[in-house]
Amino acid sequence: MALMTESHPQSHPYSALSPDCVLDALDSIGLRGDGRLLALNSYENRVYQVGIEDDKPLVVKFYRPGRWSDDAILEEHAFTQELADAEIPAVPPLALHGTTLHLHAGFRFSVFTRHGGRAPELGDPAVLEWTGRYIGRIHAIGAVKPFAHRPALDIDTFGTEPCAFLQDNDFIPLDLKASYAAISQQALDGVRRAYDRAGELPQLRLHGDCHGGNVLWTDAGPHFVDFDDARMGPAIQDLWMMLSGERAEQVRQMSDILAGYEDFGDFNPRQMHLVEALRTLRLIHYSAWLARRWDDPAFPQAFPWFNTQRYWQDRILELREQVALMDEPPLAI
């Protein structure tokens, strides 16, 4: 199956994704929109809630052109379907006309049932344990086989390469460039030391971006959404983003999460050496992500503080703090 096509000639591909294009895309697979469109909070892709004639609204996701191959997208779809088949509350795309990935006017898209919910109360031990239990179940499925078409979360893809991109493309102010280069290299050295302390760890299929914003909570418990960043990596990647607050509070939170997680799988405590290392990689990767997307008109509007003098000064201070944190003992569990 090969859906990749040439990009649109406009300044940015998404400029061609008009409301009419969205409705025409749905019509092309036999879904009649009633004209109600609500843009949902997504910048990497474009996601809309769409009213459907004589039926419940659906969610349609238009994938950023050029980011993932068709095989990588379909692999994500297959993973979420595996989870749903195991009665894990993930949200797979609908299979329509024999496929979950569709093409219209150069845009690849998928359709999902709508799942409402609220942000989880991550200060509640019961919520953390419940969430940990489901992440444990996700990882039990994720460990069955590897991804074949999706990359791993590692130091090169989330650290070394993003740093090089920022340095080579003149996003950092000239008077701060040397300081950022120095502290980012110190930070990456700290990440490498943390990985050395953790040693060899199993790599499994992950959600990849498992923070509170991608967990919708209802009275029936959580629903895990947006597996767009699914990739191979250590289990701790799907746990540490649930932590917040001071060190003692994070220890308690992790204990609550693991109380549920370990009902379905073992957790190697050596992974705790990676918490601040993975946080450091995410911080570096996030800056490079904004830089790579700066040609998308939605990004300067949504992130006006990016690429200012203050922004880079704050990033330098942030990485200095991370260098110190990575040399501290890991959270005790």
C-alpha atoms as a PDB file:
ATOM      1  CA  MET A   1       0.000   0.000   0.000  1.00  0.00           C
ATOM      2  CA  ALA A   2       1.642   3.269  -1.082  1.00  0.00           C
ATOM      3  CA  LEU A   3      -0.252   6.471  -0.428  1.00  0.00           C
ATOM      4  CA  MET A   4       2.643   8.954  -0.443  1.00  0.00           C
ATOM      5  CA  THR A   5       2.171  11.642  -3.104  1.00  0.00           C
ATOM      6  CA  GLU A   6       3.818  14.890  -4.056  1.00  0.00           C
ATOM      7  CA  SER A   7       3.233  17.781  -1.668  1.00  0.00           C
ATOM      8  CA  HIS A   8       0.988  20.719  -2.504  1.00  0.00           C
ATOM      9  CA  PRO A   9       2.688  23.747  -4.096  1.00  0.00           C
ATOM     10  CA  GLN A  10       1.413  26.149  -1.408  1.00  0.00           C
ATOM     11  CA  SER A  11       3.779  27.707   1.141  1.00  0.00           C
ATOM     12  CA  HIS A  12       2.846  24.987   3.579  1.00  0.00           C
ATOM     13  CA  PRO A  13       0.953  21.757   2.818  1.00  0.00           C
ATOM     14  CA  TYR A  14      -1.725  22.385   5.439  1.00  0.00           C
ATOM     15  CA  SER A  15      -2.723  25.632   3.708  1.00  0.00           C
ATOM     16  CA  ALA A  16      -4.708  23.445   1.305  1.00  0.00           C
ATOM     17  CA  LEU A  17      -6.599  21.729   4.127  1.00  0.00           C
ATOM     18  CA  SER A  18      -9.724  23.896   4.027  1.00  0.00           C
ATOM     19  CA  PRO A  19     -13.043  22.998   5.698  1.00  0.00           C
ATOM     20  CA  ASP A  20     -14.351  21.941   2.286  1.00  0.00           C
ATOM     21  CA  CYS A  21     -11.319  19.673   1.856  1.00  0.00           C
ATOM     22  CA  VAL A  22     -12.011  18.048   5.237  1.00  0.00           C
ATOM     23  CA  LEU A  23     -15.643  17.380   4.338  1.00  0.00           C
ATOM     24  CA  ASP A  24     -14.733  16.172   0.845  1.00  0.00           C
ATOM     25  CA  ALA A  25     -12.210  13.755   2.373  1.00  0.00           C
ATOM     26  CA  LEU A  26     -14.897  12.224   4.550  1.00  0.00           C
ATOM     27  CA  ASP A  27     -17.328  12.127   1.650  1.00  0.00           C
ATOM     28  CA  SER A  28     -14.715  10.206  -0.370  1.00  0.00           C
ATOM     29  CA  ILE A  29     -15.011   7.286   2.084  1.00  0.00           C
ATOM     30  CA  GLY A  30     -18.787   7.462   2.356  1.00  0.00           C
ATOM     31  CA  LEU A  31     -19.177   9.658   5.458  1.00  0.00           C
ATOM     32  CA  ARG A  32     -21.476  12.656   5.075  1.00  0.00           C
ATOM     33  CA  GLY A  33     -20.470  15.561   7.273  1.00  0.00           C
ATOM     34  CA  ASP A  34     -23.170  17.978   8.368  1.00  0.00           C
ATOM     35  CA  GLY A  35     -20.877  21.021   8.240  1.00  0.00           C
ATOM     36  CA  ARG A  36     -19.973  21.168  11.927  1.00  0.00           C
ATOM     37  CA  LEU A  37     -16.183  21.259  12.317  1.00  0.00           C
ATOM     38  CA  LEU A  38     -14.290  21.746  15.559  1.00  0.00           C
ATOM     39  CA  ALA A  39     -10.495  21.961  15.408  1.00  0.00           C
ATOM     40  CA  LEU A  40      -8.985  19.956  18.273  1.00  0.00           C
ATOM     41  CA  ASN A  41      -5.750  20.735  20.075  1.00  0.00           C
ATOM     42  CA  SER A  42      -3.069  19.313  17.790  1.00  0.00           C
ATOM     43  CA  TYR A  43      -0.122  20.968  16.062  1.00  0.00           C
ATOM     44  CA  GLU A  44       1.913  18.090  14.670  1.00  0.00           C
ATOM     45  CA  ASN A  45      -1.122  16.873  12.725  1.00  0.00           C
ATOM     46  CA  ARG A  46      -4.504  18.452  12.084  1.00  0.00           C
ATOM     47  CA  VAL A  47      -7.382  16.901  14.008  1.00  0.00           C
ATOM     48  CA  TYR A  48     -11.073  17.813  13.776  1.00  0.00           C
ATOM     49  CA  GLN A  49     -14.278  16.737  15.402  1.00  0.00           C
ATOM     50  CA  VAL A  50     -16.768  16.495  12.557  1.00  0.00           C
ATOM     51  CA  GLY A  51     -20.536  16.305  12.772  1.00  0.00           C
ATOM     52  CA  ILE A  52     -21.972  13.402  10.774  1.00  0.00           C
ATOM     53  CA  GLU A  53     -25.457  13.414   9.242  1.00  0.00           C
ATOM     54  CA  ASP A  54     -27.855  11.291  11.304  1.00  0.00           C
ATOM     55  CA  ASP A  55     -25.049   9.875  13.437  1.00  0.00           C
ATOM     56  CA  LYS A  56     -22.620  10.684  16.235  1.00  0.00           C
ATOM     57  CA  PRO A  57     -19.697  13.044  15.538  1.00  0.00           C
ATOM     58  CA  LEU A  58     -16.385  11.488  14.545  1.00  0.00           C
ATOM     59  CA  VAL A  59     -12.777  12.600  14.872  1.00  0.00           C
ATOM     60  CA  VAL A  60     -10.676  12.832  11.721  1.00  0.00           C
ATOM     61  CA  LYS A  61      -6.895  13.122  11.795  1.00  0.00           C
ATOM     62  CA  PHE A  62      -4.869  14.458   8.854  1.00  0.00           C
ATOM     63  CA  TYR A  63      -1.257  13.345   9.107  1.00  0.00           C
ATOM     64  CA  ARG A  64       1.549  15.839   8.642  1.00  0.00           C
ATOM     65  CA  PRO A  65       2.902  15.251   5.140  1.00  0.00           C
ATOM     66  CA  GLY A  66       6.326  13.638   5.069  1.00  0.00           C
ATOM     67  CA  ARG A  67       6.596  12.827   8.774  1.00  0.00           C
ATOM     68  CA  TRP A  68       5.804   9.106   8.824  1.00  0.00           C
ATOM     69  CA  SER A  69       5.774   6.533   6.057  1.00  0.00           C
ATOM     70  CA  ASP A  70       2.536   4.731   5.315  1.00  0.00           C
ATOM     71  CA  ASP A  71       3.992   1.591   6.903  1.00  0.00           C
ATOM     72  CA  ALA A  72       4.845   3.471  10.108  1.00  0.00           C
ATOM     73  CA  ILE A  73       1.327   4.904  10.364  1.00  0.00           C
ATOM     74  CA  LEU A  74      -0.282   1.530   9.723  1.00  0.00           C
ATOM     75  CA  GLU A  75       2.008  -0.020  12.320  1.00  0.00           C
ATOM     76  CA  GLU A  76       0.716   2.455  14.906  1.00  0.00           C
ATOM     77  CA  HIS A  77      -2.848   1.581  13.885  1.00  0.00           C
ATOM     78  CA  ALA A  78      -2.151  -2.126  14.270  1.00  0.00           C
ATOM     79  CA  PHE A  79      -0.676  -1.563  17.743  1.00  0.00           C
ATOM     80  CA  THR A  80      -3.697   0.377  18.991  1.00  0.00           C
ATOM     81  CA  GLN A  81      -5.980  -2.304  17.553  1.00  0.00           C
ATOM     82  CA  GLU A  82      -3.991  -4.979  19.417  1.00  0.00           C
ATOM     83  CA  LEU A  83      -4.563  -3.014  22.604  1.00  0.00           C
ATOM     84  CA  ALA A  84      -8.273  -2.569  21.951  1.00  0.00           C
ATOM     85  CA  ASP A  85      -8.637  -6.270  21.155  1.00  0.00           C
ATOM     86  CA  ALA A  86      -7.097  -6.991  24.581  1.00  0.00           C
ATOM     87  CA  GLU A  87      -9.735  -4.711  26.165  1.00  0.00           C
ATOM     88  CA  ILE A  88      -7.185  -2.004  26.928  1.00  0.00           C
ATOM     89  CA  PRO A  89      -8.808   1.434  26.540  1.00  0.00           C
ATOM     90  CA  ALA A  90      -6.827   2.724  23.564  1.00  0.00           C
ATOM     91  CA  VAL A  91      -8.624   4.338  20.616  1.00  0.00           C
ATOM     92  CA  PRO A  92      -7.789   2.690  17.275  1.00  0.00           C
ATOM     93  CA  PRO A  93      -8.885   4.198  13.947  1.00  0.00           C
ATOM     94  CA  LEU A  94     -11.936   2.825  12.192  1.00  0.00           C
ATOM     95  CA  ALA A  95     -11.373   0.329   9.382  1.00  0.00           C
ATOM     96  CA  LEU A  96     -13.392   1.627   6.431  1.00  0.00           C
ATOM     97  CA  HIS A  97     -13.319   0.033   2.986  1.00  0.00           C
ATOM     98  CA  GLY A  98     -10.714  -2.423   4.204  1.00  0.00           C
ATOM     99  CA  THR A  99      -8.162   0.053   5.544  1.00  0.00           C
ATOM    100  CA  THR A 100      -7.555   2.523   8.369  1.00  0.00           C
ATOM    101  CA  LEU A 101      -5.464   4.938   6.260  1.00  0.00           C
ATOM    102  CA  HIS A 102      -7.068   6.953   3.493  1.00  0.00           C
ATOM    103  CA  LEU A 103      -5.935   9.467   0.882  1.00  0.00           C
ATOM    104  CA  HIS A 104      -7.684  12.566  -0.437  1.00  0.00           C
ATOM    105  CA  ALA A 105      -6.218  15.572  -2.280  1.00  0.00           C
ATOM    106  CA  GLY A 106      -2.714  14.570  -1.227  1.00  0.00           C
ATOM    107  CA  PHE A 107      -3.584  14.225   2.468  1.00  0.00           C
ATOM    108  CA  ARG A 108      -3.431  10.954   4.368  1.00  0.00           C
ATOM    109  CA  PHE A 109      -6.104  10.700   7.049  1.00  0.00           C
ATOM    110  CA  SER A 110      -7.812   8.361   9.492  1.00  0.00           C
ATOM    111  CA  VAL A 111     -11.163   8.429  11.268  1.00  0.00           C
ATOM    112  CA  PHE A 112     -11.788   7.669  14.948  1.00  0.00           C
ATOM    113  CA  THR A 113     -14.782   7.369  17.218  1.00  0.00           C
ATOM    114  CA  ARG A 114     -15.080  10.324  19.570  1.00  0.00           C
ATOM    115  CA  HIS A 115     -14.122   9.693  23.190  1.00  0.00           C
ATOM    116  CA  GLY A 116     -14.758  12.439  25.677  1.00  0.00           C
ATOM    117  CA  GLY A 117     -13.159  12.770  29.053  1.00  0.00           C
ATOM    118  CA  ARG A 118     -11.429  15.034  31.500  1.00  0.00           C
ATOM    119  CA  ALA A 119      -7.854  15.402  32.616  1.00  0.00           C
ATOM    120  CA  PRO A 120      -6.871  12.758  35.187  1.00  0.00           C
ATOM    121  CA  GLU A 121      -6.395  13.796  38.810  1.00  0.00           C
ATOM    122  CA  LEU A 122      -2.735  12.838  38.972  1.00  0.00           C
ATOM    123  CA  GLY A 123      -2.542  13.890  42.611  1.00  0.00           C
ATOM    124  CA  ASP A 124      -4.937  11.081  43.536  1.00  0.00           C
ATOM    125  CA  PRO A 125      -3.102   7.834  44.460  1.00  0.00           C
ATOM    126  CA  ALA A 126      -6.017   5.718  43.215  1.00  0.00           C
ATOM    127  CA  VAL A 127      -5.928   7.432  39.805  1.00  0.00           C
ATOM    128  CA  LEU A 128      -2.172   6.899  39.538  1.00  0.00           C
ATOM    129  CA  GLU A 129      -2.482   3.229  40.446  1.00  0.00           C
ATOM    130  CA  TRP A 130      -5.341   2.737  37.973  1.00  0.00           C
ATOM    131  CA  THR A 131      -3.339   4.479  35.247  1.00  0.00           C
ATOM    132  CA  GLY A 132      -0.238   2.449  36.091  1.00  0.00           C
ATOM    133  CA  ARG A 133      -2.250  -0.747  35.818  1.00  0.00           C
ATOM    134  CA  TYR A 134      -3.299   0.075  32.259  1.00  0.00           C
ATOM    135  CA  ILE A 135       0.200   1.197  31.251  1.00  0.00           C
ATOM    136  CA  GLY A 136       1.422  -2.152  32.537  1.00  0.00           C
ATOM    137  CA  ARG A 137      -1.098  -3.869  30.288  1.00  0.00           C
ATOM    138  CA  ILE A 138      -0.057  -1.691  27.318  1.00  0.00           C
ATOM    139  CA  HIS A 139       3.557  -2.686  27.896  1.00  0.00           C
ATOM    140  CA  ALA A 140       2.690  -6.375  28.203  1.00  0.00           C
ATOM    141  CA  ILE A 141       1.267  -6.173  24.666  1.00  0.00           C
ATOM    142  CA  GLY A 142       4.097  -3.881  23.541  1.00  0.00           C
ATOM    143  CA  ALA A 143       6.706  -6.424  24.587  1.00  0.00           C
ATOM    144  CA  VAL A 144       5.256  -9.193  22.412  1.00  0.00           C
ATOM    145  CA  LYS A 145       7.023  -8.006  19.237  1.00  0.00           C
ATOM    146  CA  PRO A 146       8.997  -4.933  18.091  1.00  0.00           C
ATOM    147  CA  PHE A 147       8.033  -2.182  15.696  1.00  0.00           C
ATOM    148  CA  ALA A 148       9.512  -2.741  12.247  1.00  0.00           C
ATOM    149  CA  HIS A 149       8.986   0.728  10.751  1.00  0.00           C
ATOM    150  CA  ARG A 150       9.142   3.119  13.715  1.00  0.00           C
ATOM    151  CA  PRO A 151      12.361   4.480  15.254  1.00  0.00           C
ATOM    152  CA  ALA A 152      13.631   4.039  18.785  1.00  0.00           C
ATOM    153  CA  LEU A 153      13.777   6.720  21.439  1.00  0.00           C
ATOM    154  CA  ASP A 154      17.534   7.029  21.906  1.00  0.00           C
ATOM    155  CA  ILE A 155      20.274   9.580  22.528  1.00  0.00           C
ATOM    156  CA  ASP A 156      20.968  10.130  18.835  1.00  0.00           C
ATOM    157  CA  THR A 157      17.398  10.734  17.651  1.00  0.00           C
ATOM    158  CA  PHE A 158      16.263  12.768  20.683  1.00  0.00           C
ATOM    159  CA  GLY A 159      19.539  14.474  21.623  1.00  0.00           C
ATOM    160  CA  THR A 160      22.531  14.526  19.302  1.00  0.00           C
ATOM    161  CA  GLU A 161      20.657  15.086  16.045  1.00  0.00           C
ATOM    162  CA  PRO A 162      18.259  17.768  17.420  1.00  0.00           C
ATOM    163  CA  CYS A 163      21.221  19.672  18.919  1.00  0.00           C
ATOM    164  CA  ALA A 164      22.999  19.599  15.571  1.00  0.00           C
ATOM    165  CA  PHE A 165      19.865  20.833  13.790  1.00  0.00           C
ATOM    166  CA  LEU A 166      19.523  23.815  16.133  1.00  0.00           C
ATOM    167  CA  GLN A 167      23.203  24.713  15.783  1.00  0.00           C
ATOM    168  CA  ASP A 168      23.268  24.364  12.001  1.00  0.00           C
ATOM    169  CA  ASN A 169      20.106  26.340  11.216  1.00  0.00           C
ATOM    170  CA  ASP A 170      20.708  29.632  13.042  1.00  0.00           C
ATOM    171  CA  PHE A 171      17.788  29.430  15.470  1.00  0.00           C
ATOM    172  CA  ILE A 172      19.937  30.289  18.502  1.00  0.00           C
ATOM    173  CA  PRO A 173      20.964  33.976  18.871  1.00  0.00           C
ATOM    174  CA  LEU A 174      24.612  34.491  18.003  1.00  0.00           C
ATOM    175  CA  ASP A 175      25.555  35.758  21.476  1.00  0.00           C
ATOM    176  CA  LEU A 176      24.044  32.613  23.090  1.00  0.00           C
ATOM    177  CA  LYS A 177      25.113  30.022  20.526  1.00  0.00           C
ATOM    178  CA  ALA A 178      28.383  29.065  22.225  1.00  0.00           C
ATOM    179  CA  SER A 179      26.714  28.850  25.646  1.00  0.00           C
ATOM    180  CA  TYR A 180      23.935  26.633  24.321  1.00  0.00           C
ATOM    181  CA  ALA A 181      26.423  24.413  22.476  1.00  0.00           C
ATOM    182  CA  ALA A 182      28.482  23.961  25.631  1.00  0.00           C
ATOM    183  CA  ILE A 183      25.599  23.238  27.997  1.00  0.00           C
ATOM    184  CA  SER A 184      23.814  20.948  25.547  1.00  0.00           C
ATOM    185  CA  GLN A 185      26.975  18.859  25.200  1.00  0.00           C
ATOM    186  CA  GLN A 186      27.316  18.739  28.992  1.00  0.00           C
ATOM    187  CA  ALA A 187      23.710  17.630  29.169  1.00  0.00           C
ATOM    188  CA  LEU A 188      24.221  14.892  26.578  1.00  0.00           C
ATOM    189  CA  ASP A 189      27.292  13.698  28.466  1.00  0.00           C
ATOM    190  CA  GLY A 190      25.093  13.466  31.566  1.00  0.00           C
ATOM    191  CA  VAL A 191      22.484  11.523  29.599  1.00  0.00           C
ATOM    192  CA  ARG A 192      25.137   9.050  28.458  1.00  0.00           C
ATOM    193  CA  ARG A 193      26.337   8.550  32.032  1.00  0.00           C
ATOM    194  CA  ALA A 194      22.751   7.907  33.126  1.00  0.00           C
ATOM    195  CA  TYR A 195      22.299   5.318  30.380  1.00  0.00           C
ATOM    196  CA  ASP A 196      25.574   3.670  31.422  1.00  0.00           C
ATOM    197  CA  ARG A 197      24.349   3.440  35.021  1.00  0.00           C
ATOM    198  CA  ALA A 198      21.032   1.964  33.899  1.00  0.00           C
ATOM    199  CA  GLY A 199      22.751  -0.670  31.751  1.00  0.00           C
ATOM    200  CA  GLU A 200      21.051  -2.788  29.112  1.00  0.00           C
ATOM    201  CA  LEU A 201      17.257  -2.619  29.381  1.00  0.00           C
ATOM    202  CA  PRO A 202      14.486  -4.278  27.373  1.00  0.00           C
ATOM    203  CA  GLN A 203      13.091  -2.166  24.535  1.00  0.00           C
ATOM    204  CA  LEU A 204       9.377  -2.419  23.833  1.00  0.00           C
ATOM    205  CA  ARG A 205       6.630  -0.724  21.898  1.00  0.00           C
ATOM    206  CA  LEU A 206       5.570   2.381  23.818  1.00  0.00           C
ATOM    207  CA  HIS A 207       2.850   4.991  23.721  1.00  0.00           C
ATOM    208  CA  GLY A 208       5.824   7.369  23.573  1.00  0.00           C
ATOM    209  CA  ASP A 209       4.059  10.559  24.723  1.00  0.00           C
ATOM    210  CA  CYS A 210       2.162   9.312  27.749  1.00  0.00           C
ATOM    211  CA  HIS A 211       1.426  12.488  29.722  1.00  0.00           C
ATOM    212  CA  GLY A 212      -1.796  13.590  31.375  1.00  0.00           C
ATOM    213  CA  GLY A 213      -2.997  15.398  28.229  1.00  0.00           C
ATOM    214  CA  ASN A 214      -3.121  12.088  26.345  1.00  0.00           C
ATOM    215  CA  VAL A 215      -5.128  10.317  29.025  1.00  0.00           C
ATOM    216  CA  LEU A 216      -8.862  11.054  29.000  1.00  0.00           C
ATOM    217  CA  TRP A 217     -10.530  10.186  32.284  1.00  0.00           C
ATOM    218  CA  THR A 218     -14.134   9.114  32.783  1.00  0.00           C
ATOM    219  CA  ASP A 219     -15.994   7.408  35.597  1.00  0.00           C
ATOM    220  CA  ALA A 220     -15.051   4.125  33.885  1.00  0.00           C
ATOM    221  CA  GLY A 221     -11.356   4.987  34.073  1.00  0.00           C
ATOM    222  CA  PRO A 222      -8.787   6.192  31.532  1.00  0.00           C
ATOM    223  CA  HIS A 223      -8.693   6.189  27.748  1.00  0.00           C
ATOM    224  CA  PHE A 224      -5.270   6.482  26.115  1.00  0.00           C
ATOM    225  CA  VAL A 225      -5.249   8.600  22.973  1.00  0.00           C
ATOM    226  CA  ASP A 226      -2.773   9.915  20.404  1.00  0.00           C
ATOM    227  CA  PHE A 227      -0.268   7.134  19.774  1.00  0.00           C
ATOM    228  CA  ASP A 228       1.309   9.253  17.029  1.00  0.00           C
ATOM    229  CA  ASP A 229       4.680   9.225  18.852  1.00  0.00           C
ATOM    230  CA  ALA A 230       4.656   5.468  19.455  1.00  0.00           C
ATOM    231  CA  ARG A 231       8.150   4.009  19.157  1.00  0.00           C
ATOM    232  CA  MET A 232      10.567   1.560  20.730  1.00  0.00           C
ATOM    233  CA  GLY A 233      12.118   2.438  24.072  1.00  0.00           C
ATOM    234  CA  PRO A 234      12.420   1.590  27.786  1.00  0.00           C
ATOM    235  CA  ALA A 235       9.253   1.205  29.836  1.00  0.00           C
ATOM    236  CA  ILE A 236      10.074   4.190  32.062  1.00  0.00           C
ATOM    237  CA  GLN A 237       9.386   6.546  29.124  1.00  0.00           C
ATOM    238  CA  ASP A 238       5.651   5.949  29.550  1.00  0.00           C
ATOM    239  CA  LEU A 239       5.797   6.505  33.323  1.00  0.00           C
ATOM    240  CA  TRP A 240       8.000   9.479  34.132  1.00  0.00           C
ATOM    241  CA  MET A 241       5.771  12.098  32.468  1.00  0.00           C
ATOM    242  CA  MET A 242       3.091  11.340  35.047  1.00  0.00           C
ATOM    243  CA  LEU A 243       5.390  12.740  37.766  1.00  0.00           C
ATOM    244  CA  SER A 244       5.366  16.311  39.033  1.00  0.00           C
ATOM    245  CA  GLY A 245       6.306  18.397  42.054  1.00  0.00           C
ATOM    246  CA  GLU A 246       9.198  18.058  44.464  1.00  0.00           C
ATOM    247  CA  ARG A 247      11.350  14.950  44.760  1.00  0.00           C
ATOM    248  CA  ALA A 248       9.444  13.463  47.727  1.00  0.00           C
ATOM    249  CA  GLU A 249       6.157  13.898  45.885  1.00  0.00           C
ATOM    250  CA  GLN A 250       7.556  12.230  42.755  1.00  0.00           C
ATOM    251  CA  VAL A 251       8.713   9.257  44.844  1.00  0.00           C
ATOM    252  CA  ARG A 252       5.193   8.834  46.200  1.00  0.00           C
ATOM    253  CA  GLN A 253       3.648   9.214  42.741  1.00  0.00           C
ATOM    254  CA  MET A 254       5.971   6.624  41.221  1.00  0.00           C
ATOM    255  CA  SER A 255       5.190   4.228  44.070  1.00  0.00           C
ATOM    256  CA  ASP A 256       1.470   4.614  43.351  1.00  0.00           C
ATOM    257  CA  ILE A 257       1.965   4.082  39.604  1.00  0.00           C
ATOM    258  CA  LEU A 258       4.100   0.983  40.116  1.00  0.00           C
ATOM    259  CA  ALA A 259       1.569  -0.466  42.557  1.00  0.00           C
ATOM    260  CA  GLY A 260      -0.703  -0.859  39.532  1.00  0.00           C
ATOM    261  CA  TYR A 261       1.947  -1.397  36.861  1.00  0.00           C
ATOM    262  CA  GLU A 262       3.524  -4.398  38.558  1.00  0.00           C
ATOM    263  CA  ASP A 263       0.199  -6.233  38.579  1.00  0.00           C
ATOM    264  CA  PHE A 264       0.923  -6.925  34.900  1.00  0.00           C
ATOM    265  CA  GLY A 265       4.688  -6.820  34.497  1.00  0.00           C
ATOM    266  CA  ASP A 266       8.027  -6.561  36.213  1.00  0.00           C
ATOM    267  CA  PHE A 267       9.695  -3.173  36.555  1.00  0.00           C
ATOM    268  CA  ASN A 268      13.488  -3.081  36.632  1.00  0.00           C
ATOM    269  CA  PRO A 269      14.456  -0.381  39.186  1.00  0.00           C
ATOM    270  CA  ARG A 270      17.615   0.416  37.179  1.00  0.00           C
ATOM    271  CA  GLN A 271      15.275   2.300  34.849  1.00  0.00           C
ATOM    272  CA  MET A 272      14.995   5.042  37.470  1.00  0.00           C
ATOM    273  CA  HIS A 273      18.463   6.219  36.388  1.00  0.00           C
ATOM    274  CA  LEU A 274      16.816   7.333  33.132  1.00  0.00           C
ATOM    275  CA  VAL A 275      14.089   9.628  34.489  1.00  0.00           C
ATOM    276  CA  GLU A 276      16.082  12.880  34.354  1.00  0.00           C
ATOM    277  CA  ALA A 277      18.008  11.697  31.284  1.00  0.00           C
ATOM    278  CA  LEU A 278      14.760  11.195  29.362  1.00  0.00           C
ATOM    279  CA  ARG A 279      13.473  14.527  30.613  1.00  0.00           C
ATOM    280  CA  THR A 280      16.648  16.164  29.299  1.00  0.00           C
ATOM    281  CA  LEU A 281      16.264  14.510  25.899  1.00  0.00           C
ATOM    282  CA  ARG A 282      12.632  15.642  25.718  1.00  0.00           C
ATOM    283  CA  LEU A 283      13.613  19.248  26.447  1.00  0.00           C
ATOM    284  CA  ILE A 284      16.238  19.264  23.691  1.00  0.00           C
ATOM    285  CA  HIS A 285      13.960  17.479  21.243  1.00  0.00           C
ATOM    286  CA  TYR A 286      11.097  19.897  21.958  1.00  0.00           C
ATOM    287  CA  SER A 287      13.156  22.955  20.979  1.00  0.00           C
ATOM    288  CA  ALA A 288      14.229  21.276  17.759  1.00  0.00           C
ATOM    289  CA  TRP A 289      10.632  20.218  17.064  1.00  0.00           C
ATOM    290  CA  LEU A 290       9.477  23.840  17.274  1.00  0.00           C
ATOM    291  CA  ALA A 291      12.343  24.910  15.024  1.00  0.00           C
ATOM    292  CA  ARG A 292      11.552  22.251  12.409  1.00  0.00           C
ATOM    293  CA  ARG A 293       7.894  23.293  12.320  1.00  0.00           C
ATOM    294  CA  TRP A 294       8.479  27.051  12.203  1.00  0.00           C
ATOM    295  CA  ASP A 295       7.438  27.200   8.531  1.00  0.00           C
ATOM    296  CA  ASP A 296       3.961  26.026   9.561  1.00  0.00           C
ATOM    297  CA  PRO A 297       1.915  29.224  10.135  1.00  0.00           C
ATOM    298  CA  ALA A 298       0.177  27.626  13.112  1.00  0.00           C
ATOM    299  CA  PHE A 299       3.437  27.497  15.079  1.00  0.00           C
ATOM    300  CA  PRO A 300       4.410  31.204  15.247  1.00  0.00           C
ATOM    301  CA  GLN A 301       0.810  31.924  16.279  1.00  0.00           C
ATOM    302  CA  ALA A 302       0.708  29.251  18.973  1.00  0.00           C
ATOM    303  CA  PHE A 303       4.283  29.640  20.269  1.00  0.00           C
ATOM    304  CA  PRO A 304       5.153  33.356  19.913  1.00  0.00           C
ATOM    305  CA  TRP A 305       7.737  33.083  22.709  1.00  0.00           C
ATOM    306  CA  PHE A 306       9.841  30.603  20.769  1.00  0.00           C
ATOM    307  CA  ASN A 307      13.144  31.801  19.312  1.00  0.00           C
ATOM    308  CA  THR A 308      13.300  34.947  21.429  1.00  0.00           C
ATOM    309  CA  GLN A 309      16.371  35.924  23.420  1.00  0.00           C
ATOM    310  CA  ARG A 310      14.530  35.065  26.644  1.00  0.00           C
ATOM    311  CA  TYR A 311      13.512  31.653  25.324  1.00  0.00           C
ATOM    312  CA  TRP A 312      17.111  30.550  24.728  1.00  0.00           C
ATOM    313  CA  GLN A 313      18.356  32.062  27.986  1.00  0.00           C
ATOM    314  CA  ASP A 314      15.726  29.983  29.803  1.00  0.00           C
ATOM    315  CA  ARG A 315      16.721  26.835  27.889  1.00  0.00           C
ATOM    316  CA  ILE A 316      20.368  27.280  28.907  1.00  0.00           C
ATOM    317  CA  LEU A 317      19.365  27.617  32.567  1.00  0.00           C
ATOM    318  CA  GLU A 318      17.027  24.634  32.245  1.00  0.00           C
ATOM    319  CA  LEU A 319      19.773  22.402  30.865  1.00  0.00           C
ATOM    320  CA  ARG A 320      22.148  23.502  33.622  1.00  0.00           C
ATOM    321  CA  GLU A 321      19.569  22.358  36.148  1.00  0.00           C
ATOM    322  CA  GLN A 322      19.218  19.048  34.323  1.00  0.00           C
ATOM    323  CA  VAL A 323      22.984  18.481  34.371  1.00  0.00           C
ATOM    324  CA  ALA A 324      22.886  18.766  38.153  1.00  0.00           C
ATOM    325  CA  LEU A 325      19.781  16.591  38.512  1.00  0.00           C
ATOM    326  CA  MET A 326      21.247  13.790  36.406  1.00  0.00           C
ATOM    327  CA  ASP A 327      24.185  13.509  38.828  1.00  0.00           C
ATOM    328  CA  GLU A 328      21.864  13.064  41.810  1.00  0.00           C
ATOM    329  CA  PRO A 329      20.832   9.597  43.001  1.00  0.00           C
ATOM    330  CA  PRO A 330      17.712   8.294  41.202  1.00  0.00           C
ATOM    331  CA  LEU A 331      14.297   8.405  42.795  1.00  0.00           C
ATOM    332  CA  ALA A 332      14.012   5.709  45.440  1.00  0.00           C
ATOM    333  CA  ILE A 333      11.143   3.268  44.895  1.00  0.00           C
END
